[in-house]
Amino acid sequence: MALWREPAPTADDLFLASLADDTEDAPWMVMGDLQFWPASSFAHCLRIYARGHGLPWYVACMLPIRFRSSGSRRKQQLAPDCFVAFVPDHARESYDLDAEGVFPAFVLEVVSPSSVQRDAQDKLRAYGVLGAKEYVLFTPQEGGPSTLAGYRRDAAGPLVPWTAGPDGRLWSDVLGLRLIVDAGLLLAETADGQRLRSPEEEAAARLEADRARQEEARARHQAERARQEAEVENARLRRELARLKRELG
């Protein structure tokens, strides 16, 4: 009887096994304002949009994805700046690929000077092997144009360069949204050109709605007070008219 032997690890298995983890003390994990705010703002935009439209998305920002390369007992982790997975939306300490069963379909990295090589080479290969359908690289620049690039899975399987439109924008089939760069930020809009609200815009809209409701309540109160005053005055006039009729009568 032939003995079963575990398949020899592939080149991709060996690559994943040798890939350094994303940890808090890793130099490429340091983020300045130019990286942190676009990443967190974009994740919030997607989260607000998904919940407002009842989409089956789980949106995370800088959450570790834990996985195990083939033949390895040790779990490794990568922490994208933002990702979207089609799994139930609830709070997590990490995204465990064994438990979730599916790798996030959309992954974003905001590139910093210390993460250029890792984001553009190591993570591109890792996310392709692990199963991402779209991988976006946003490079913010202070005093210069911020850039947007991406890779998406083609019919044959691997991640290939994702060609932007003439305006430099990327249409995401995974999200059903157009990714754009404006004023140094990464934003998204629907097919009909409606921009997704940022957290600041969402807060401003709620504040404006509260002010409108308060103004409407104030107007109703003033109208009610005017009505009551008019009734009091009408009652006084009726009494005065009745008195005059009696005197003349």
Foldseek 3Di string as FASTA:
>chain_A
DDDDDDDDDDPLLVLVVPDAADDPPDPQPDDDPLFLVQLVQALQLLVVVCVVVVHQKAKDAQAWEWEARPPGPDIGTYGFRMFIANFHHDDDNHHYCVVGVADTQETEHEGDPRCVCCLVPVVLSVCLVRHHAKYKYWYFDDPDDIAIWIWGADPVRGTDTQDADPQRWGQDPVSQWIWDADPRHIWIAHPVGHTRDTPVRVVVVVVVVVVVVVVVVVVVVVVVVVVVVVVVVVVVVVVVVVVVVVVVD
